[in-house]
Amino acid sequence: MSSQTSRALFSAYGVELEYMIVNRSTLNVAPLCDRLIHSVAGSYESEIERG
């Protein structure tokens, strides 16, 4: 029988959260993320580190 090792929460696997930008009135998806990232980073990036 193998010995089980305890691991800290999320140390053995990752959780990915995805958010959608939606229209407040209709809840339709608003394709604004690329423009938002461009306004913050000054270029089109795949992600931005904000601390």
C-alpha atoms as a PDB file:
ATOM      1  CA  MET A   1       0.000   0.000   0.000  1.00  0.00           C
ATOM      2  CA  SER A   2       1.385   3.431  -0.890  1.00  0.00           C
ATOM      3  CA  SER A   3       1.695   6.276   1.560  1.00  0.00           C
ATOM      4  CA  GLN A   4      -0.508   9.329   0.875  1.00  0.00           C
ATOM      5  CA  THR A   5       1.095  12.762   1.072  1.00  0.00           C
ATOM      6  CA  SER A   6      -0.931  15.780   2.078  1.00  0.00           C
ATOM      7  CA  ARG A   7      -0.791  18.690  -0.327  1.00  0.00           C
ATOM      8  CA  ALA A   8      -1.657  22.335   0.153  1.00  0.00           C
ATOM      9  CA  LEU A   9      -4.828  23.571  -1.477  1.00  0.00           C
ATOM     10  CA  PHE A  10      -4.373  24.002  -5.281  1.00  0.00           C
ATOM     11  CA  SER A  11      -0.763  22.728  -5.188  1.00  0.00           C
ATOM     12  CA  ALA A  12      -1.552  19.626  -7.257  1.00  0.00           C
ATOM     13  CA  TYR A  13      -3.826  21.213  -9.847  1.00  0.00           C
ATOM     14  CA  GLY A  14      -4.844  24.625 -11.068  1.00  0.00           C
ATOM     15  CA  VAL A  15      -8.173  26.345 -11.343  1.00  0.00           C
ATOM     16  CA  GLU A  16      -8.858  28.657 -14.253  1.00  0.00           C
ATOM     17  CA  LEU A  17     -11.526  31.297 -13.943  1.00  0.00           C
ATOM     18  CA  GLU A  18     -12.992  32.953 -16.990  1.00  0.00           C
ATOM     19  CA  TYR A  19     -15.093  36.051 -16.899  1.00  0.00           C
ATOM     20  CA  MET A  20     -17.312  37.545 -19.578  1.00  0.00           C
ATOM     21  CA  ILE A  21     -17.921  41.222 -20.196  1.00  0.00           C
ATOM     22  CA  VAL A  22     -21.657  41.587 -20.759  1.00  0.00           C
ATOM     23  CA  ASN A  23     -24.151  44.299 -21.519  1.00  0.00           C
ATOM     24  CA  ARG A  24     -25.792  45.267 -18.244  1.00  0.00           C
ATOM     25  CA  SER A  25     -29.304  45.470 -19.693  1.00  0.00           C
ATOM     26  CA  THR A  26     -29.376  42.435 -21.964  1.00  0.00           C
ATOM     27  CA  LEU A  27     -26.572  40.249 -20.555  1.00  0.00           C
ATOM     28  CA  ASN A  28     -25.364  39.768 -24.137  1.00  0.00           C
ATOM     29  CA  VAL A  29     -21.627  39.169 -24.371  1.00  0.00           C
ATOM     30  CA  ALA A  30     -19.826  42.413 -25.254  1.00  0.00           C
ATOM     31  CA  PRO A  31     -16.621  41.766 -27.257  1.00  0.00           C
ATOM     32  CA  LEU A  32     -14.613  44.530 -25.581  1.00  0.00           C
ATOM     33  CA  CYS A  33     -11.704  42.704 -23.964  1.00  0.00           C
ATOM     34  CA  ASP A  34      -9.198  43.337 -26.762  1.00  0.00           C
ATOM     35  CA  ARG A  35      -9.922  47.076 -26.683  1.00  0.00           C
ATOM     36  CA  LEU A  36      -9.694  47.136 -22.886  1.00  0.00           C
ATOM     37  CA  ILE A  37      -6.310  45.370 -22.882  1.00  0.00           C
ATOM     38  CA  HIS A  38      -5.043  47.690 -25.632  1.00  0.00           C
ATOM     39  CA  SER A  39      -6.066  50.765 -23.624  1.00  0.00           C
ATOM     40  CA  VAL A  40      -4.169  49.492 -20.559  1.00  0.00           C
ATOM     41  CA  ALA A  41      -1.079  47.931 -22.175  1.00  0.00           C
ATOM     42  CA  GLY A  42      -0.764  50.122 -25.253  1.00  0.00           C
ATOM     43  CA  SER A  43      -0.710  47.041 -27.476  1.00  0.00           C
ATOM     44  CA  TYR A  44      -2.680  43.864 -28.031  1.00  0.00           C
ATOM     45  CA  GLU A  45      -1.445  41.291 -25.487  1.00  0.00           C
ATOM     46  CA  SER A  46      -2.692  37.878 -24.405  1.00  0.00           C
ATOM     47  CA  GLU A  47      -2.528  38.827 -20.715  1.00  0.00           C
ATOM     48  CA  ILE A  48      -1.516  41.654 -18.397  1.00  0.00           C
ATOM     49  CA  GLU A  49       0.022  41.332 -14.939  1.00  0.00           C
ATOM     50  CA  ARG A  50      -1.486  43.908 -12.599  1.00  0.00           C
ATOM     51  CA  GLY A  51      -0.142  42.656  -9.256  1.00  0.00           C
END
